Protein backbone atom coordinates (compact mmCIF):
# COMPACT_ATOMS: atom_id res chain seq x y z
CA MET A 1 6.77 -10.66 29.18
CA GLU A 2 4.45 -7.82 30.96
CA GLN A 3 7.09 -4.90 31.73
CA LEU A 4 9.47 -5.88 27.99
CA VAL A 5 5.78 -4.77 26.23
CA GLY A 6 4.85 -2.31 28.22
CA ALA A 7 9.07 -0.82 28.26
CA THR A 8 8.49 -1.18 24.34
CA LEU A 9 5.38 0.92 23.91
CA MET A 10 6.86 3.40 26.38
CA THR A 11 10.00 3.63 24.16
CA LEU A 12 8.09 3.99 20.93
CA ALA A 13 5.95 6.56 23.06
CA LEU A 14 8.96 9.06 23.76
CA LEU A 15 10.24 8.18 20.01
CA ASP A 16 7.58 9.39 18.27
CA VAL A 17 7.21 12.33 19.98
CA PHE A 18 11.11 12.83 19.88
CA LEU A 19 10.74 12.85 16.06
CA THR A 20 7.31 14.56 15.99
CA VAL A 21 8.81 17.55 18.39
CA LEU A 22 12.34 18.22 17.28
CA TYR A 23 11.72 16.69 13.37
CA ALA A 24 8.58 19.03 12.54
CA ARG A 25 9.15 19.98 9.02
CA ALA A 26 10.25 16.29 8.39
CA GLY A 27 7.48 14.09 9.14
CA THR A 28 9.45 11.62 11.05
CA GLY A 29 6.86 10.63 13.92
CA ILE A 30 6.25 7.00 13.78
CA PHE A 31 3.12 7.38 14.98
CA ALA A 32 1.98 11.21 14.68
CA ARG A 33 0.29 11.43 11.43
CA ARG A 34 -1.21 7.51 11.32
CA VAL A 35 -2.87 9.04 14.58
CA SER A 36 -3.69 12.38 12.98
CA HIS A 37 -5.18 11.06 9.95
CA VAL A 38 -7.24 8.01 11.95
CA LEU A 39 -8.86 10.87 14.59
CA TRP A 40 -9.73 13.18 11.54
CA TRP A 41 -11.79 10.53 9.48
CA VAL A 42 -13.50 9.61 12.97
CA PHE A 43 -14.24 13.66 14.12
CA ARG A 44 -15.02 13.96 10.21
CA HIS A 45 -17.84 10.99 9.79
CA LEU A 46 -18.90 12.19 13.66
CA SER A 47 -19.88 15.54 12.46
CA ARG A 48 -21.90 14.02 9.62
CA LEU A 49 -23.43 11.59 11.43
CA ALA A 50 -24.59 14.45 13.77
CA GLY A 51 -26.07 16.38 11.16
CA SER A 52 -24.00 19.38 11.20
CA SER A 53 -24.24 21.38 8.01
CA ASN A 54 -21.89 24.18 8.71
CA LYS A 55 -18.38 22.30 8.85
CA SER A 56 -19.05 23.46 12.63
CA GLN A 57 -18.08 20.55 14.37
CA GLU A 58 -15.44 19.76 12.29
CA SER A 59 -13.64 22.96 13.17
CA ARG A 60 -13.95 22.69 17.00
CA SER A 61 -12.11 19.27 16.66
CA GLY A 62 -9.08 20.17 15.72
CA ARG A 63 -7.77 21.29 19.14
CA ASN A 64 -8.10 17.19 19.54
CA LEU A 65 -5.53 16.64 16.61
């Protein structure tokens, strides 16, 4: 059972990478868009909690997306 779940997750991850890289302009990635939106939201709120007024924390977090 664990091997089946692991194989399924690996297949989905590889499919997402394949679709994101080869069809980047079409926006066909399975998880990439959702993950990037969630990460951007997290970094934006962390920068607000840190008290950054010049958005420098947000600009530094872009490379993580």
